Protein backbone atom coordinates (compact mmCIF):
# COMPACT_ATOMS: atom_id res chain seq x y z
CA VAL A 1 -9.43 -34.92 -1.62
CA GLN A 2 -6.00 -33.42 -2.04
CA LEU A 3 -5.26 -29.80 -2.79
CA GLN A 4 -1.90 -28.62 -4.03
CA ALA A 5 -1.29 -24.89 -4.21
CA SER A 6 1.55 -23.38 -6.19
CA GLY A 7 2.70 -20.16 -7.73
CA GLY A 8 3.80 -18.21 -4.70
CA GLY A 9 7.01 -16.20 -4.69
CA VAL A 10 8.63 -12.87 -4.13
CA VAL A 11 7.35 -9.88 -6.08
CA GLN A 12 7.75 -6.13 -5.91
CA ALA A 13 4.80 -3.93 -4.88
CA GLY A 14 2.62 -3.23 -7.89
CA GLY A 15 3.49 -6.58 -9.46
CA SER A 16 1.41 -9.60 -10.26
CA LEU A 17 1.37 -13.35 -9.41
CA ARG A 18 -1.01 -16.14 -10.34
CA LEU A 19 -1.63 -18.87 -7.83
CA SER A 20 -2.90 -22.28 -8.86
CA CYS A 21 -4.54 -25.05 -6.85
CA LEU A 22 -4.73 -28.55 -8.24
CA PHE A 23 -7.64 -30.62 -6.90
CA SER A 24 -7.61 -34.42 -6.90
CA GLY A 25 -9.49 -37.30 -5.30
CA ARG A 26 -13.05 -36.39 -6.17
CA THR A 27 -15.05 -34.76 -8.92
CA PHE A 28 -13.76 -31.22 -9.04
CA SER A 29 -16.79 -29.70 -10.66
CA GLY A 30 -18.86 -30.61 -7.64
CA TYR A 31 -16.89 -28.46 -5.26
CA ALA A 32 -16.81 -24.77 -4.45
CA MET A 33 -13.29 -23.52 -4.09
CA ALA A 34 -11.78 -20.73 -2.02
CA TRP A 35 -8.58 -18.97 -1.24
CA PHE A 36 -7.61 -17.81 2.27
CA ARG A 37 -4.44 -16.24 3.56
CA GLN A 38 -2.58 -15.87 6.82
CA ALA A 39 -0.05 -13.13 7.37
CA PRO A 40 2.63 -13.45 10.03
CA GLY A 41 1.11 -12.96 13.53
CA LYS A 42 -2.42 -12.62 12.17
CA GLU A 43 -5.49 -14.77 11.91
CA ARG A 44 -6.30 -16.58 8.71
CA GLU A 45 -8.67 -14.54 6.53
CA PHE A 46 -10.92 -15.03 3.54
CA VAL A 47 -9.64 -13.80 0.17
CA SER A 48 -11.93 -15.12 -2.56
CA ALA A 49 -14.23 -18.01 -3.45
CA ILE A 50 -15.90 -19.43 -6.54
CA ASN A 51 -18.87 -21.74 -6.81
CA PHE A 52 -18.80 -25.16 -8.45
CA SER A 53 -19.66 -23.90 -11.93
CA GLY A 54 -17.73 -20.67 -11.84
CA SER A 55 -20.96 -18.61 -12.16
CA SER A 56 -20.61 -16.91 -8.79
CA THR A 57 -17.64 -15.39 -6.99
CA HIS A 58 -16.93 -13.57 -3.71
CA TYR A 59 -14.00 -11.34 -2.76
CA ALA A 60 -12.77 -9.73 0.39
CA ASP A 61 -13.05 -5.97 0.29
CA SER A 62 -9.29 -5.70 0.60
CA VAL A 63 -8.69 -7.47 -2.70
CA LYS A 64 -11.66 -6.40 -4.84
CA GLY A 65 -10.63 -4.94 -8.15
CA ARG A 66 -7.11 -6.35 -7.77
CA PHE A 67 -7.58 -10.11 -7.51
CA ALA A 68 -9.59 -12.46 -9.74
CA ILE A 69 -10.56 -16.02 -9.03
CA SER A 70 -11.29 -18.52 -11.84
CA ARG A 71 -11.53 -22.20 -12.34
CA ASP A 72 -10.92 -24.69 -15.18
CA ASN A 73 -13.01 -27.78 -14.47
CA ALA A 74 -11.30 -29.65 -17.28
CA LYS A 75 -7.93 -29.17 -15.52
CA ASN A 76 -9.23 -29.61 -11.96
CA THR A 77 -7.62 -26.36 -11.12
CA VAL A 78 -8.60 -23.06 -9.47
CA TYR A 79 -6.57 -19.89 -9.98
CA LEU A 80 -6.08 -16.61 -8.17
CA GLN A 81 -4.78 -13.88 -10.39
CA MET A 82 -3.27 -11.17 -8.10
CA ASN A 83 -2.53 -7.79 -9.58
CA SER A 84 -1.35 -4.49 -8.08
CA LEU A 85 0.12 -6.39 -5.15
CA LYS A 86 0.79 -4.49 -1.95
CA PRO A 87 3.18 -5.35 0.93
CA GLU A 88 0.07 -6.10 3.06
CA ASP A 89 -0.79 -8.94 0.69
CA THR A 90 2.26 -10.81 2.07
CA ALA A 91 0.96 -14.10 3.51
CA VAL A 92 0.76 -17.79 3.16
CA TYR A 93 -2.13 -18.42 0.77
CA TYR A 94 -4.25 -21.54 1.21
CA CYS A 95 -6.81 -23.10 -1.10
CA ALA A 96 -9.81 -24.85 0.28
CA ALA A 97 -12.75 -26.86 -1.05
CA ASN A 98 -16.28 -27.66 0.02
CA ILE A 99 -19.33 -29.33 -1.37
CA ARG A 100 -21.90 -27.00 0.20
CA THR A 101 -24.69 -25.46 -1.84
CA SER A 102 -25.17 -22.51 0.52
CA ASN A 103 -22.73 -20.15 2.19
CA TRP A 104 -20.00 -22.05 0.32
CA TYR A 105 -17.59 -19.10 0.75
CA LEU A 106 -17.48 -19.18 4.56
CA GLU A 107 -14.33 -20.48 6.31
CA ASP A 108 -16.25 -22.81 8.64
CA ARG A 109 -17.91 -24.42 5.55
CA MET A 110 -14.63 -25.64 4.13
CA ASP A 111 -14.19 -29.41 4.05
CA TYR A 112 -10.67 -29.69 2.72
CA TRP A 113 -7.53 -27.56 2.97
CA GLY A 114 -4.31 -27.61 1.05
CA LYS A 115 -0.85 -26.70 2.24
CA GLY A 116 -0.13 -23.03 1.64
CA THR A 117 2.13 -21.22 -0.79
CA LEU A 118 4.04 -18.17 0.40
CA VAL A 119 3.57 -14.83 -1.28
CA THR A 120 6.00 -12.06 -0.35
CA VAL A 121 5.49 -8.53 -1.63
CA SER A 122 8.46 -6.23 -1.16
CA SER A 123 8.09 -2.46 -0.95
């Protein structure tokens, strides 16, 4: 499995960005997908996850109401729409995939990781 994240960049506080993660190598619709992030000097943290069908999602409290995860199984892509961005959202964002049917949103359940895309939010 290969995961290719894109869409990062520099945005002012209050702005929006949409991240994309292209999945290849296996049947995308069989995998739960997730986004994590790592800010400078901090541990990697969970952001959001979506199950294989898109019928269930999870969000970190820090992004609820501002971020939205979605997937397009026809395009083998998962998205993270980020609105009302704050300087504390600045981080490298990673997409991850796993084929678990339970606790599929937990970091230690992830089977595959992509290289990150940098999001910088200026104040």
